[in-house]
Protein backbone atom coordinates (compact mmCIF):
# COMPACT_ATOMS: atom_id res chain seq x y z
CA MET A 1 27.29 121.91 164.29
CA ALA A 2 24.71 124.39 165.58
CA ILE A 3 27.09 127.33 165.96
CA PRO A 4 28.28 127.41 162.31
CA VAL A 5 24.68 127.07 161.12
CA LEU A 6 23.53 129.88 163.41
CA ILE A 7 26.39 132.11 162.25
CA GLY A 8 25.47 131.38 158.61
CA ALA A 9 21.83 132.21 159.37
CA ALA A 10 22.94 135.46 161.03
CA VAL A 11 24.98 136.37 157.94
CA SER A 12 21.92 135.77 155.75
CA VAL A 13 19.71 137.93 157.95
CA LEU A 14 22.29 140.70 158.29
CA LEU A 15 22.79 140.86 154.52
CA GLY A 16 19.04 141.08 154.04
CA VAL A 17 18.62 143.76 156.69
CA TYR A 18 21.47 145.81 155.25
CA ALA A 19 20.14 145.44 151.70
CA LYS A 20 16.64 146.43 152.80
CA THR A 21 17.53 149.36 155.03
CA HIS A 22 20.32 151.15 153.17
CA GLU A 23 19.50 153.65 150.45
CA PRO A 24 20.35 152.07 147.07
CA THR A 25 22.64 154.25 145.01
CA GLY A 26 21.67 152.95 141.58
CA PHE A 27 25.35 153.46 140.79
CA SER A 28 27.26 150.65 139.18
CA ILE A 29 30.71 150.13 137.83
CA ASN A 30 31.14 148.86 134.31
CA VAL A 31 34.06 146.80 133.06
CA ALA A 32 35.72 147.64 129.76
CA GLY A 33 34.69 145.25 127.03
CA PHE A 34 31.18 144.70 128.32
CA SER A 35 28.11 146.45 126.99
CA SER A 36 26.56 147.11 130.41
CA PRO A 37 26.93 146.48 134.14
CA GLN A 38 24.18 143.85 133.81
CA ALA A 39 26.26 141.99 131.21
CA VAL A 40 29.29 142.05 133.54
CA LYS A 41 27.23 140.68 136.42
CA THR A 42 25.63 138.07 134.17
CA TRP A 43 28.93 136.70 132.94
CA LEU A 44 30.62 136.79 136.37
CA ALA A 45 27.64 134.90 137.82
CA THR A 46 27.84 132.42 134.95
CA VAL A 47 31.53 131.80 135.66
CA ALA A 48 30.70 131.28 139.35
CA PHE A 49 27.89 128.87 138.42
CA LEU A 50 30.13 126.86 136.08
CA LEU A 51 32.79 126.65 138.77
CA ALA A 52 30.10 125.47 141.21
CA LEU A 53 29.12 122.73 138.76
CA PHE A 54 32.79 121.69 138.73
CA GLN A 55 32.58 121.69 142.53
CA LEU A 56 29.72 119.20 142.32
CA ALA A 57 31.63 116.97 139.89
CA SER A 58 34.87 117.11 141.86
CA ALA A 59 33.11 116.45 145.18
CA SER A 60 31.31 113.52 143.59
CA ALA A 61 34.66 112.15 142.46
CA MET A 62 36.24 112.65 145.88
CA TYR A 63 33.31 110.89 147.60
CA GLY A 64 33.56 107.96 145.14
CA LYS A 65 30.18 108.65 143.53
CA LEU A 66 31.46 108.51 139.95
CA PRO A 67 32.26 105.34 137.99
CA PHE A 68 35.98 106.15 137.94
CA SER A 69 38.57 106.88 140.58
CA ALA A 70 39.38 110.48 141.38
CA PRO A 71 42.67 111.79 139.99
CA SER A 72 45.24 112.88 142.56
CA TRP A 73 44.79 116.59 141.73
CA ILE A 74 41.02 116.68 142.22
CA GLY A 75 41.16 117.80 145.87
CA ALA A 76 43.27 120.84 145.08
CA ALA A 77 41.14 121.62 142.02
CA HIS A 78 38.02 121.40 144.18
CA VAL A 79 39.40 123.85 146.74
CA TRP A 80 40.63 126.34 144.14
CA SER A 81 37.49 126.20 142.00
CA GLY A 82 35.47 127.00 145.13
CA ARG A 83 37.70 129.92 145.97
CA LEU A 84 37.44 131.25 142.43
CA ALA A 85 33.65 130.82 142.41
CA VAL A 86 33.29 132.95 145.53
CA LEU A 87 35.87 135.45 144.29
CA VAL A 88 33.98 136.12 141.05
CA SER A 89 30.64 136.23 142.89
CA VAL A 90 31.70 138.95 145.34
CA PRO A 91 31.70 141.88 142.86
CA VAL A 92 28.22 140.82 141.73
CA ALA A 93 26.94 140.68 145.30
CA VAL A 94 28.53 143.98 146.28
CA HIS A 95 27.00 145.65 143.24
CA CYS A 96 23.57 144.20 143.96
CA LEU A 97 23.67 145.19 147.64
CA TYR A 98 25.08 148.66 147.03
CA ALA A 99 23.30 149.69 143.84
CA PHE A 100 19.92 147.96 144.26
CA GLY A 101 19.45 146.78 147.83
CA PHE A 102 16.76 144.22 148.63
CA LEU A 103 14.22 144.44 145.84
CA GLN A 104 10.83 142.75 145.71
CA TYR A 105 8.87 144.33 142.88
CA ASP A 106 8.09 140.94 141.33
CA THR A 107 8.44 137.28 142.29
CA ARG A 108 11.66 136.67 140.35
CA VAL A 109 13.40 139.67 141.91
CA LEU A 110 12.18 138.85 145.43
CA LEU A 111 13.36 135.27 145.04
CA HIS A 112 16.71 136.54 143.73
CA SER A 113 17.13 138.85 146.74
CA LEU A 114 16.29 136.04 149.16
CA LEU A 115 18.60 133.58 147.40
CA GLY A 116 21.49 136.06 147.48
CA CYS A 117 21.22 136.33 151.26
CA PHE A 118 20.79 132.56 151.59
CA PHE A 119 23.79 131.76 149.37
CA TYR A 120 26.29 133.77 151.39
CA GLY A 121 24.87 132.52 154.69
CA ALA A 122 25.09 128.91 153.49
CA PHE A 123 28.62 129.55 152.24
CA VAL A 124 29.73 130.94 155.61
CA ALA A 125 28.14 128.00 157.43
CA LYS A 126 29.86 125.50 155.12
CA MET A 127 33.25 127.13 155.55
CA LEU A 128 32.86 127.06 159.34
CA LEU A 129 31.66 123.44 159.26
CA LEU A 130 34.77 122.45 157.29
CA THR A 131 36.86 123.37 160.34
CA ARG A 132 34.89 121.07 162.67
CA LYS A 133 36.15 117.58 163.45
CA GLY A 134 33.91 114.60 164.10
CA LEU A 135 30.89 115.70 162.07
CA PRO A 136 28.63 113.04 160.57
CA GLY A 137 29.66 112.20 157.01
CA TRP A 138 26.53 113.75 155.48
CA VAL A 139 27.05 117.27 156.89
CA ILE A 140 29.59 118.67 154.41
CA PRO A 141 27.84 117.26 151.31
CA VAL A 142 24.51 118.69 152.50
CA ALA A 143 26.12 122.07 153.23
CA GLY A 144 27.79 122.04 149.81
CA GLY A 145 24.48 121.08 148.21
CA LEU A 146 22.76 124.02 149.89
CA VAL A 147 25.47 126.40 148.64
CA LEU A 148 25.09 124.96 145.12
CA ALA A 149 21.29 125.19 145.33
CA GLY A 150 21.53 128.83 146.36
CA LEU A 151 23.92 129.70 143.55
CA THR A 152 21.84 127.75 141.04
CA GLY A 153 18.75 129.71 142.07
CA LEU A 154 20.68 132.96 141.80
CA TRP A 155 21.88 132.07 138.32
CA LEU A 156 18.39 131.04 137.18
CA THR A 157 16.81 134.25 138.48
CA SER A 158 19.47 136.53 137.03
CA SER A 159 21.84 135.26 134.35
CA LEU A 160 19.45 132.88 132.64
CA TRP A 161 16.75 135.57 132.73
CA PHE A 162 19.21 138.09 131.23
CA PHE A 163 20.28 135.68 128.47
CA GLN A 164 16.62 134.95 127.62
CA HIS A 165 15.75 138.64 127.36
CA HIS A 166 18.97 140.08 125.90
CA GLY A 167 20.71 137.17 124.20
CA LEU A 168 24.31 136.13 124.76
CA THR A 169 25.61 139.68 124.79
CA PHE A 170 28.84 140.84 126.37
């Protein structure tokens, strides 16, 4: 269990070091139909967050924590919703790393930078832990909870903030 956790921690640190040491370009790519790059990032992050909430619900069903039995398709839906969540989060992360780097000009932004590094490190650790046999039953749920906590913090410090200051704009 230690090796996947250490690799995840290394990913977090390496992302932070890269983001802090490279020269931010300030350049961003916009997507047609959106009013700004910030709106694109906000909505992609919101999709990732909603998929992560589905991950929580589907995992709860698979672990028998809901008052009904899990449908037969829930395992596949859990896997694919996780893949989609990461897929839609990658353009946001690449943009943040490339265009802005590791920012810390106020508490919200510093927390967002730290959570971004944490999220991807926790994700890598969880994916590596999934390949291990014989782990205690609490390991995967805790790893998934840490990934969800990281993404929730990212969403709160970015998308929610954007929606509060700019409204539900596209």
